[in-house]
C-alpha atoms as a PDB file:
ATOM      1  CA  UNK A   1       0.000   0.000   0.000  1.00  0.00           C
ATOM      2  CA  UNK A   2       3.055   2.228   0.409  1.00  0.00           C
ATOM      3  CA  UNK A   3       1.580   4.535   3.014  1.00  0.00           C
ATOM      4  CA  UNK A   4       3.588   5.923   5.905  1.00  0.00           C
ATOM      5  CA  UNK A   5       2.877   4.281   9.278  1.00  0.00           C
ATOM      6  CA  UNK A   6       2.605   7.737  10.851  1.00  0.00           C
ATOM      7  CA  UNK A   7      -0.158   8.626   8.378  1.00  0.00           C
ATOM      8  CA  UNK A   8      -1.942   5.373   9.246  1.00  0.00           C
ATOM      9  CA  UNK A   9      -2.001   6.279  12.956  1.00  0.00           C
ATOM     10  CA  UNK A  10      -3.070   9.854  12.276  1.00  0.00           C
ATOM     11  CA  UNK A  11      -5.786   8.589   9.942  1.00  0.00           C
ATOM     12  CA  UNK A  12      -6.943   6.109  12.573  1.00  0.00           C
ATOM     13  CA  UNK A  13      -7.367   8.839  15.168  1.00  0.00           C
ATOM     14  CA  UNK A  14      -9.031  11.291  12.773  1.00  0.00           C
ATOM     15  CA  UNK A  15     -11.497   8.812  11.292  1.00  0.00           C
ATOM     16  CA  UNK A  16     -12.267   7.336  14.729  1.00  0.00           C
ATOM     17  CA  UNK A  17     -13.013  10.830  16.026  1.00  0.00           C
ATOM     18  CA  UNK A  18     -15.191  11.699  13.038  1.00  0.00           C
ATOM     19  CA  UNK A  19     -17.074   8.427  12.556  1.00  0.00           C
ATOM     20  CA  UNK A  20     -16.550   6.396  15.722  1.00  0.00           C
ATOM     21  CA  UNK A  21     -15.925   2.651  15.558  1.00  0.00           C
ATOM     22  CA  UNK A  22     -16.807   2.314  11.882  1.00  0.00           C
ATOM     23  CA  UNK A  23     -14.304   5.056  11.103  1.00  0.00           C
ATOM     24  CA  UNK A  24     -11.620   3.172  13.034  1.00  0.00           C
ATOM     25  CA  UNK A  25     -12.333  -0.001  11.064  1.00  0.00           C
ATOM     26  CA  UNK A  26     -12.294   1.774   7.699  1.00  0.00           C
ATOM     27  CA  UNK A  27      -9.498   4.238   8.554  1.00  0.00           C
ATOM     28  CA  UNK A  28      -6.809   2.879   6.237  1.00  0.00           C
ATOM     29  CA  UNK A  29      -9.182   2.549   3.292  1.00  0.00           C
ATOM     30  CA  UNK A  30     -10.535   6.065   3.693  1.00  0.00           C
ATOM     31  CA  UNK A  31      -7.046   7.501   4.199  1.00  0.00           C
ATOM     32  CA  UNK A  32      -5.925   5.821   0.973  1.00  0.00           C
ATOM     33  CA  UNK A  33      -8.959   7.317  -0.772  1.00  0.00           C
ATOM     34  CA  UNK A  34      -7.946  10.787   0.432  1.00  0.00           C
ATOM     35  CA  UNK A  35      -4.360  10.190  -0.776  1.00  0.00           C
ATOM     36  CA  UNK A  36      -5.568   9.072  -4.212  1.00  0.00           C
ATOM     37  CA  UNK A  37      -7.718  12.181  -4.501  1.00  0.00           C
ATOM     38  CA  UNK A  38      -4.786  14.361  -3.391  1.00  0.00           C
ATOM     39  CA  UNK A  39      -2.521  12.801  -6.041  1.00  0.00           C
ATOM     40  CA  UNK A  40      -4.912  13.884  -8.802  1.00  0.00           C
ATOM     41  CA  UNK A  41      -4.717  17.608  -8.012  1.00  0.00           C
ATOM     42  CA  UNK A  42      -1.592  19.550  -8.879  1.00  0.00           C
ATOM     43  CA  UNK A  43      -1.626  21.629  -5.693  1.00  0.00           C
ATOM     44  CA  UNK A  44      -1.714  18.640  -3.351  1.00  0.00           C
ATOM     45  CA  UNK A  45       0.547  16.217  -5.238  1.00  0.00           C
ATOM     46  CA  UNK A  46       3.724  17.106  -3.283  1.00  0.00           C
ATOM     47  CA  UNK A  47       1.944  16.608   0.030  1.00  0.00           C
ATOM     48  CA  UNK A  48       0.546  13.265  -1.136  1.00  0.00           C
ATOM     49  CA  UNK A  49       4.018  12.210  -2.230  1.00  0.00           C
ATOM     50  CA  UNK A  50       5.379  12.940   1.243  1.00  0.00           C
ATOM     51  CA  UNK A  51       2.576  10.911   2.832  1.00  0.00           C
ATOM     52  CA  UNK A  52       3.569   7.799   0.874  1.00  0.00           C
ATOM     53  CA  UNK A  53       6.280   5.584   2.247  1.00  0.00           C
ATOM     54  CA  UNK A  54       8.688   3.893  -0.105  1.00  0.00           C
ATOM     55  CA  UNK A  55      12.153   2.803   0.813  1.00  0.00           C
ATOM     56  CA  UNK A  56      13.267   3.111  -2.796  1.00  0.00           C
ATOM     57  CA  UNK A  57      11.838   6.596  -3.366  1.00  0.00           C
ATOM     58  CA  UNK A  58      13.725   8.730  -5.842  1.00  0.00           C
ATOM     59  CA  UNK A  59      15.608  11.262  -3.798  1.00  0.00           C
ATOM     60  CA  UNK A  60      15.209  14.025  -6.410  1.00  0.00           C
ATOM     61  CA  UNK A  61      11.405  13.739  -6.499  1.00  0.00           C
ATOM     62  CA  UNK A  62      11.230  13.627  -2.712  1.00  0.00           C
ATOM     63  CA  UNK A  63      13.432  16.706  -2.315  1.00  0.00           C
ATOM     64  CA  UNK A  64      11.357  18.561  -4.917  1.00  0.00           C
ATOM     65  CA  UNK A  65       8.167  17.678  -3.020  1.00  0.00           C
ATOM     66  CA  UNK A  66       9.707  18.874   0.245  1.00  0.00           C
ATOM     67  CA  UNK A  67      10.704  22.169  -1.367  1.00  0.00           C
ATOM     68  CA  UNK A  68       7.188  22.726  -2.750  1.00  0.00           C
ATOM     69  CA  UNK A  69       5.555  21.983   0.605  1.00  0.00           C
ATOM     70  CA  UNK A  70       7.983  24.343   2.376  1.00  0.00           C
ATOM     71  CA  UNK A  71       7.224  27.059  -0.173  1.00  0.00           C
ATOM     72  CA  UNK A  72       3.491  26.579   0.348  1.00  0.00           C
ATOM     73  CA  UNK A  73       3.947  26.669   4.133  1.00  0.00           C
ATOM     74  CA  UNK A  74       5.973  29.890   3.977  1.00  0.00           C
ATOM     75  CA  UNK A  75       3.381  31.505   1.718  1.00  0.00           C
ATOM     76  CA  UNK A  76       0.572  30.499   4.098  1.00  0.00           C
ATOM     77  CA  UNK A  77       2.488  31.623   7.162  1.00  0.00           C
ATOM     78  CA  UNK A  78       3.358  34.916   5.463  1.00  0.00           C
ATOM     79  CA  UNK A  79      -0.318  35.590   4.787  1.00  0.00           C
ATOM     80  CA  UNK A  80      -1.181  35.224   8.456  1.00  0.00           C
ATOM     81  CA  UNK A  81       1.774  37.274   9.678  1.00  0.00           C
ATOM     82  CA  UNK A  82       1.049  40.131   7.270  1.00  0.00           C
ATOM     83  CA  UNK A  83      -2.635  40.221   8.311  1.00  0.00           C
ATOM     84  CA  UNK A  84      -1.599  40.424  11.964  1.00  0.00           C
ATOM     85  CA  UNK A  85       0.822  43.270  11.231  1.00  0.00           C
ATOM     86  CA  UNK A  86      -1.844  45.252   9.363  1.00  0.00           C
ATOM     87  CA  UNK A  87      -4.335  44.924  12.215  1.00  0.00           C
ATOM     88  CA  UNK A  88      -1.750  46.254  14.717  1.00  0.00           C
ATOM     89  CA  UNK A  89      -1.366  49.503  12.766  1.00  0.00           C
END
């Protein structure tokens, strides 16, 4: 299935919280569904790539995905910081 064990545990907790026992039983399947959907959109492909676990992952593709996610994070963080600065003035 090539999904990170950390993502499996996070998915288990999230789906259990949202749907109860049925969510806990179906957690891996629903998490895989979310990953497949994320892979089909250009904006979420790097994040989906980081959520997959492969020992033989191509280092170049992984590093490119990390760079894109960091860029997105900095852009998001910058939006919140600039809004806070404007409200202080």
